[in-house]
């Protein structure tokens, strides 16, 4: 599960860029709520679940 500080950082620092990306803020909140794990990879967050990988472009 992403740490609280990471979730806050995503909301605070990247909300404008997320808003203009392919995945909406609502989708991001759902992904975070579902306790996916985030890994930072070269200015992108790779969201990994048990069976699927999602790329959130920031």
N, C-alpha and C. Protein backbone atom coordinates (compact mmCIF):
# COMPACT_ATOMS: atom_id res chain seq x y z
N UNK A 1 0.86 -1.20 0.00
CA UNK A 1 0.00 0.00 0.00
C UNK A 1 0.88 1.24 0.00
N UNK A 2 0.58 2.19 -0.87
CA UNK A 2 1.37 3.41 -0.89
C UNK A 2 1.29 4.14 0.45
N UNK A 3 2.40 4.74 0.83
CA UNK A 3 2.40 5.46 2.10
C UNK A 3 1.52 6.70 2.00
N UNK A 4 1.11 7.17 3.16
CA UNK A 4 0.28 8.38 3.19
C UNK A 4 1.02 9.56 2.59
N UNK A 5 2.32 9.65 2.87
CA UNK A 5 3.09 10.77 2.34
C UNK A 5 3.17 10.71 0.82
N UNK A 6 3.28 9.49 0.25
CA UNK A 6 3.30 9.37 -1.21
C UNK A 6 1.97 9.77 -1.81
N UNK A 7 0.88 9.35 -1.21
CA UNK A 7 -0.44 9.75 -1.71
C UNK A 7 -0.60 11.26 -1.66
N UNK A 8 -0.18 11.87 -0.55
CA UNK A 8 -0.27 13.32 -0.44
C UNK A 8 0.60 14.02 -1.46
N UNK A 9 1.77 13.46 -1.70
CA UNK A 9 2.67 14.04 -2.70
C UNK A 9 2.04 13.99 -4.09
N UNK A 10 1.44 12.87 -4.42
CA UNK A 10 0.79 12.73 -5.72
C UNK A 10 -0.31 13.77 -5.88
N UNK A 11 -1.12 13.94 -4.85
CA UNK A 11 -2.21 14.92 -4.93
C UNK A 11 -1.67 16.34 -5.03
N UNK A 12 -0.67 16.64 -4.20
CA UNK A 12 -0.23 18.03 -4.08
C UNK A 12 0.63 18.45 -5.27
N UNK A 13 1.57 17.62 -5.69
CA UNK A 13 2.56 18.04 -6.68
C UNK A 13 2.14 17.73 -8.11
N UNK A 14 1.33 16.73 -8.32
CA UNK A 14 1.09 16.26 -9.68
C UNK A 14 -0.36 16.34 -10.13
N UNK A 15 -1.21 16.98 -9.33
CA UNK A 15 -2.64 16.95 -9.64
C UNK A 15 -2.93 17.61 -10.99
N UNK A 16 -2.23 18.68 -11.34
CA UNK A 16 -2.48 19.34 -12.62
C UNK A 16 -2.03 18.49 -13.79
N UNK A 17 -0.88 17.86 -13.65
CA UNK A 17 -0.39 17.02 -14.74
C UNK A 17 -1.22 15.74 -14.86
N UNK A 18 -1.64 15.19 -13.74
CA UNK A 18 -2.50 14.01 -13.80
C UNK A 18 -3.82 14.36 -14.49
N UNK A 19 -4.32 15.55 -14.20
CA UNK A 19 -5.59 15.97 -14.78
C UNK A 19 -5.54 16.02 -16.30
N UNK A 20 -4.39 16.27 -16.87
CA UNK A 20 -4.27 16.35 -18.32
C UNK A 20 -3.77 15.04 -18.93
N UNK A 21 -3.61 14.02 -18.11
CA UNK A 21 -3.09 12.74 -18.62
C UNK A 21 -4.23 11.84 -19.04
N UNK A 22 -3.87 10.65 -19.53
CA UNK A 22 -4.87 9.70 -20.01
C UNK A 22 -5.71 9.14 -18.87
N UNK A 23 -5.13 9.06 -17.69
CA UNK A 23 -5.85 8.53 -16.53
C UNK A 23 -6.31 9.71 -15.68
N UNK A 24 -7.57 9.74 -15.34
CA UNK A 24 -8.10 10.88 -14.61
C UNK A 24 -7.75 10.79 -13.13
N UNK A 25 -7.93 11.89 -12.44
CA UNK A 25 -7.68 11.92 -11.01
C UNK A 25 -8.57 10.90 -10.30
N UNK A 26 -9.80 10.78 -10.76
CA UNK A 26 -10.72 9.81 -10.15
C UNK A 26 -10.17 8.40 -10.28
N UNK A 27 -9.65 8.06 -11.46
CA UNK A 27 -9.06 6.74 -11.66
C UNK A 27 -7.89 6.52 -10.72
N UNK A 28 -7.06 7.55 -10.55
CA UNK A 28 -5.92 7.44 -9.66
C UNK A 28 -6.37 7.19 -8.23
N UNK A 29 -7.40 7.91 -7.79
CA UNK A 29 -7.90 7.71 -6.44
C UNK A 29 -8.43 6.30 -6.25
N UNK A 30 -9.11 5.78 -7.28
CA UNK A 30 -9.62 4.41 -7.20
C UNK A 30 -8.46 3.42 -7.11
N UNK A 31 -7.42 3.63 -7.92
CA UNK A 31 -6.26 2.75 -7.88
C UNK A 31 -5.59 2.79 -6.51
N UNK A 32 -5.45 3.99 -5.95
CA UNK A 32 -4.85 4.10 -4.63
C UNK A 32 -5.72 3.46 -3.56
N UNK A 33 -7.03 3.62 -3.69
CA UNK A 33 -7.94 3.06 -2.72
C UNK A 33 -7.88 1.53 -2.75
N UNK A 34 -7.62 0.99 -3.95
CA UNK A 34 -7.52 -0.46 -4.08
C UNK A 34 -6.16 -1.00 -3.67
N UNK A 35 -5.35 -0.15 -3.06
CA UNK A 35 -4.08 -0.55 -2.46
C UNK A 35 -3.10 -1.14 -3.46
N UNK A 36 -3.03 -0.54 -4.63
CA UNK A 36 -2.00 -0.94 -5.58
C UNK A 36 -0.67 -0.38 -5.10
N UNK A 37 0.40 -0.92 -5.61
CA UNK A 37 1.73 -0.45 -5.24
C UNK A 37 2.27 0.47 -6.33
N UNK A 38 2.91 1.54 -5.90
CA UNK A 38 3.48 2.50 -6.84
C UNK A 38 5.00 2.40 -6.84
N UNK A 39 5.55 2.42 -8.01
CA UNK A 39 7.00 2.48 -8.15
C UNK A 39 7.34 3.66 -9.05
N UNK A 40 8.31 4.45 -8.63
CA UNK A 40 8.71 5.61 -9.44
C UNK A 40 9.74 5.15 -10.47
N UNK A 41 9.42 5.36 -11.73
CA UNK A 41 10.32 4.95 -12.81
C UNK A 41 10.47 6.10 -13.79
N UNK A 42 11.58 6.84 -13.71
CA UNK A 42 11.89 7.91 -14.66
C UNK A 42 10.72 8.87 -14.83
N UNK A 43 10.30 9.52 -13.81
CA UNK A 43 9.25 10.53 -13.85
C UNK A 43 7.89 9.96 -14.23
N UNK A 44 7.75 8.63 -14.17
CA UNK A 44 6.44 8.01 -14.33
C UNK A 44 6.20 7.13 -13.12
N UNK A 45 4.94 6.92 -12.80
CA UNK A 45 4.59 5.98 -11.76
C UNK A 45 4.04 4.72 -12.42
N UNK A 46 4.70 3.59 -12.17
CA UNK A 46 4.23 2.32 -12.68
C UNK A 46 3.37 1.69 -11.60
N UNK A 47 2.09 1.50 -11.92
CA UNK A 47 1.16 0.97 -10.94
C UNK A 47 1.01 -0.53 -11.18
N UNK A 48 1.41 -1.32 -10.20
CA UNK A 48 1.41 -2.75 -10.38
C UNK A 48 0.34 -3.41 -9.51
N UNK A 49 -0.46 -4.26 -10.11
CA UNK A 49 -1.38 -5.10 -9.36
C UNK A 49 -0.93 -6.54 -9.55
N UNK A 50 -1.69 -7.46 -9.05
CA UNK A 50 -1.29 -8.86 -9.15
C UNK A 50 -1.23 -9.35 -10.58
N UNK A 51 -2.13 -8.88 -11.44
CA UNK A 51 -2.21 -9.39 -12.79
C UNK A 51 -1.99 -8.35 -13.88
N UNK A 52 -2.08 -7.07 -13.53
CA UNK A 52 -2.00 -6.04 -14.55
C UNK A 52 -1.02 -4.96 -14.16
N UNK A 53 -0.46 -4.31 -15.16
CA UNK A 53 0.40 -3.14 -14.95
C UNK A 53 -0.24 -1.94 -15.62
N UNK A 54 -0.22 -0.83 -14.92
CA UNK A 54 -0.74 0.41 -15.48
C UNK A 54 0.38 1.44 -15.45
N UNK A 55 0.44 2.26 -16.48
CA UNK A 55 1.38 3.38 -16.49
C UNK A 55 0.57 4.67 -16.34
N UNK A 56 0.89 5.43 -15.32
CA UNK A 56 0.28 6.74 -15.16
C UNK A 56 1.29 7.77 -15.65
N UNK A 57 0.97 8.46 -16.72
CA UNK A 57 1.86 9.47 -17.26
C UNK A 57 1.68 10.77 -16.48
N UNK A 58 2.79 11.30 -16.00
CA UNK A 58 2.72 12.53 -15.22
C UNK A 58 3.34 13.67 -16.00
